[in-house]
């Protein structure tokens, strides 16, 4: 029921599914199925933790990423097109995120002086403050507490980078 605390299962359901894969004759794909399913479950866990840390601040992870990209830029502003490219998201997603951030006075939009077709998005002082506050919360509640050792974290990062690179992500 909603609101009740979740109880941990006494077994790993993904390992049970892997055993079923083997039993049904799909052994050559069993480890891959278990890896992908584990990755997707880990994504759900990480996303829930991130959302929990950011919810009190009233910002989603997508909007947080835009704020941080602007914070890290030399001028504190970037063209919309660049934001989409760097975050690897569709232009509509960038527009939606920037619209929400602009309504909250966390960013401003202006025409580019260099390219009339481009729209620049700039971080406001309020946006900078929220980005810094959200980063502190994420560092404390999520990024610094993965539940892995430093070596395991580096190994996970290396494996995921290899997976992303092999998929043409960069």
Protein backbone atom coordinates (compact mmCIF):
# COMPACT_ATOMS: atom_id res chain seq x y z
CA UNK A 1 0.00 0.00 0.00
CA UNK A 2 1.18 3.56 -0.62
CA UNK A 3 2.89 5.12 2.35
CA UNK A 4 3.97 1.82 3.87
CA UNK A 5 7.70 1.25 4.20
CA UNK A 6 9.13 -1.16 1.62
CA UNK A 7 10.54 -4.39 2.93
CA UNK A 8 13.62 -5.85 1.32
CA UNK A 9 13.11 -9.14 -0.45
CA UNK A 10 14.86 -12.17 1.06
CA UNK A 11 16.42 -12.91 -2.38
CA UNK A 12 17.73 -11.03 -5.41
CA UNK A 13 14.92 -11.07 -7.99
CA UNK A 14 17.31 -10.18 -10.80
CA UNK A 15 19.52 -13.15 -9.97
CA UNK A 16 16.37 -15.31 -9.88
CA UNK A 17 15.44 -14.01 -13.33
CA UNK A 18 18.99 -14.76 -14.56
CA UNK A 19 18.63 -18.34 -13.34
CA UNK A 20 15.30 -18.58 -15.21
CA UNK A 21 17.02 -17.29 -18.37
CA UNK A 22 19.58 -20.08 -18.07
CA UNK A 23 16.91 -22.69 -17.32
CA UNK A 24 14.95 -21.65 -20.41
CA UNK A 25 17.98 -22.06 -22.68
CA UNK A 26 18.99 -18.42 -22.98
CA UNK A 27 22.21 -18.81 -20.99
CA UNK A 28 24.33 -16.88 -23.50
CA UNK A 29 22.17 -13.79 -22.85
CA UNK A 30 21.50 -14.35 -19.12
CA UNK A 31 24.34 -12.20 -17.79
CA UNK A 32 23.51 -9.39 -20.23
CA UNK A 33 19.84 -9.47 -19.19
CA UNK A 34 20.85 -9.35 -15.53
CA UNK A 35 23.30 -6.51 -16.16
CA UNK A 36 20.77 -4.38 -18.07
CA UNK A 37 18.02 -5.08 -15.55
CA UNK A 38 20.38 -4.25 -12.66
CA UNK A 39 21.44 -1.05 -14.41
CA UNK A 40 17.82 -0.01 -14.86
CA UNK A 41 17.01 -0.79 -11.21
CA UNK A 42 20.10 1.11 -10.06
CA UNK A 43 18.89 4.06 -12.19
CA UNK A 44 15.52 3.97 -10.39
CA UNK A 45 17.27 3.92 -7.00
CA UNK A 46 19.63 6.77 -7.91
CA UNK A 47 16.83 8.86 -9.43
CA UNK A 48 14.67 8.44 -6.32
CA UNK A 49 17.56 9.56 -4.11
CA UNK A 50 18.32 12.56 -6.34
CA UNK A 51 14.66 13.60 -6.45
CA UNK A 52 14.42 13.27 -2.67
CA UNK A 53 17.42 15.58 -2.21
CA UNK A 54 16.16 18.16 -4.72
CA UNK A 55 12.42 18.13 -3.94
CA UNK A 56 12.74 20.47 -0.91
CA UNK A 57 14.53 22.96 -3.16
CA UNK A 58 11.78 22.86 -5.80
CA UNK A 59 14.03 21.84 -8.68
CA UNK A 60 14.17 18.71 -10.83
CA UNK A 61 17.43 17.04 -11.84
CA UNK A 62 16.93 18.21 -15.45
CA UNK A 63 16.66 21.83 -14.34
CA UNK A 64 19.55 21.36 -11.90
CA UNK A 65 21.72 20.17 -14.80
CA UNK A 66 20.91 23.35 -16.75
CA UNK A 67 21.79 25.50 -13.74
CA UNK A 68 25.10 23.69 -13.27
CA UNK A 69 26.01 23.92 -16.95
CA UNK A 70 25.46 27.68 -16.75
CA UNK A 71 27.35 27.89 -13.45
CA UNK A 72 30.35 26.15 -15.02
CA UNK A 73 30.32 28.30 -18.16
CA UNK A 74 32.85 31.12 -18.38
CA UNK A 75 30.24 33.84 -18.81
CA UNK A 76 27.39 32.29 -16.85
CA UNK A 77 25.40 32.06 -20.07
CA UNK A 78 25.11 29.71 -23.02
CA UNK A 79 23.04 29.46 -26.18
CA UNK A 80 20.02 27.15 -25.90
CA UNK A 81 21.48 24.97 -28.66
CA UNK A 82 24.70 24.46 -26.67
CA UNK A 83 22.75 23.51 -23.55
CA UNK A 84 20.88 20.82 -25.47
CA UNK A 85 24.05 19.50 -27.04
CA UNK A 86 26.02 19.35 -23.80
CA UNK A 87 23.16 17.75 -21.85
CA UNK A 88 22.40 15.43 -24.79
CA UNK A 89 18.69 16.21 -24.75
CA UNK A 90 16.11 17.23 -27.34
CA UNK A 91 15.62 20.99 -27.90
CA UNK A 92 12.05 20.69 -26.57
CA UNK A 93 13.41 19.38 -23.26
CA UNK A 94 15.79 22.33 -23.03
CA UNK A 95 12.97 24.76 -23.79
CA UNK A 96 10.77 23.21 -21.10
CA UNK A 97 13.53 23.29 -18.48
CA UNK A 98 14.53 26.87 -19.34
CA UNK A 99 10.88 27.98 -19.31
CA UNK A 100 10.47 26.65 -15.76
CA UNK A 101 13.77 28.16 -14.62
CA UNK A 102 12.88 31.54 -16.17
CA UNK A 103 9.44 31.56 -14.46
CA UNK A 104 11.24 30.97 -11.17
CA UNK A 105 13.67 33.86 -11.95
CA UNK A 106 16.64 31.47 -11.87
CA UNK A 107 17.69 32.24 -15.46
CA UNK A 108 17.04 34.92 -18.05
CA UNK A 109 16.78 34.69 -21.82
CA UNK A 110 18.13 37.22 -24.29
CA UNK A 111 18.97 37.37 -27.98
CA UNK A 112 22.59 36.66 -28.81
CA UNK A 113 24.59 39.69 -29.95
CA UNK A 114 26.71 37.39 -32.14
CA UNK A 115 23.92 35.33 -33.76
CA UNK A 116 20.42 36.80 -34.06
CA UNK A 117 18.92 33.32 -34.39
CA UNK A 118 20.39 32.17 -31.08
CA UNK A 119 18.89 32.67 -27.64
CA UNK A 120 21.24 33.02 -24.70
CA UNK A 121 20.28 31.66 -21.31
CA UNK A 122 21.99 33.34 -18.36
CA UNK A 123 22.14 32.38 -14.71
CA UNK A 124 20.68 34.89 -12.25
CA UNK A 125 22.13 35.39 -8.76
CA UNK A 126 19.14 33.42 -7.43
CA UNK A 127 19.92 30.63 -9.89
CA UNK A 128 23.55 30.56 -8.80
CA UNK A 129 22.52 30.35 -5.14
CA UNK A 130 20.08 27.51 -5.84
CA UNK A 131 22.67 25.62 -7.91
CA UNK A 132 25.14 25.84 -5.04
CA UNK A 133 22.56 24.82 -2.44
CA UNK A 134 21.35 21.90 -4.58
CA UNK A 135 24.93 20.76 -5.17
CA UNK A 136 25.61 20.73 -1.44
CA UNK A 137 22.47 18.62 -0.87
CA UNK A 138 23.33 16.19 -3.67
CA UNK A 139 26.97 15.89 -2.57
CA UNK A 140 25.87 15.16 1.00
CA UNK A 141 22.84 12.96 0.37
CA UNK A 142 23.64 11.19 -2.90
CA UNK A 143 27.01 11.66 -4.63
CA UNK A 144 29.08 11.23 -1.48
CA UNK A 145 27.01 8.27 -0.25
CA UNK A 146 26.71 5.77 -3.07
CA UNK A 147 27.24 2.82 -0.78
CA UNK A 148 30.33 1.80 -2.74
CA UNK A 149 33.99 2.04 -1.85
CA UNK A 150 36.12 4.59 -3.70
CA UNK A 151 37.59 1.78 -5.82
CA UNK A 152 34.15 0.35 -6.61
CA UNK A 153 32.93 3.80 -7.60
CA UNK A 154 35.88 4.27 -9.98
CA UNK A 155 35.32 0.79 -11.44
CA UNK A 156 31.61 1.50 -11.95
CA UNK A 157 32.44 4.81 -13.62
CA UNK A 158 34.99 3.13 -15.91
CA UNK A 159 32.51 0.38 -16.91
CA UNK A 160 29.67 2.85 -17.55
CA UNK A 161 31.98 5.13 -19.55
CA UNK A 162 32.98 2.14 -21.72
CA UNK A 163 29.30 1.25 -22.21
CA UNK A 164 28.39 4.83 -23.14
CA UNK A 165 31.35 5.20 -25.48
CA UNK A 166 30.55 1.91 -27.21
CA UNK A 167 26.98 3.12 -27.76
CA UNK A 168 28.30 6.27 -29.49
CA UNK A 169 27.35 8.58 -26.62
CA UNK A 170 30.53 10.56 -27.17
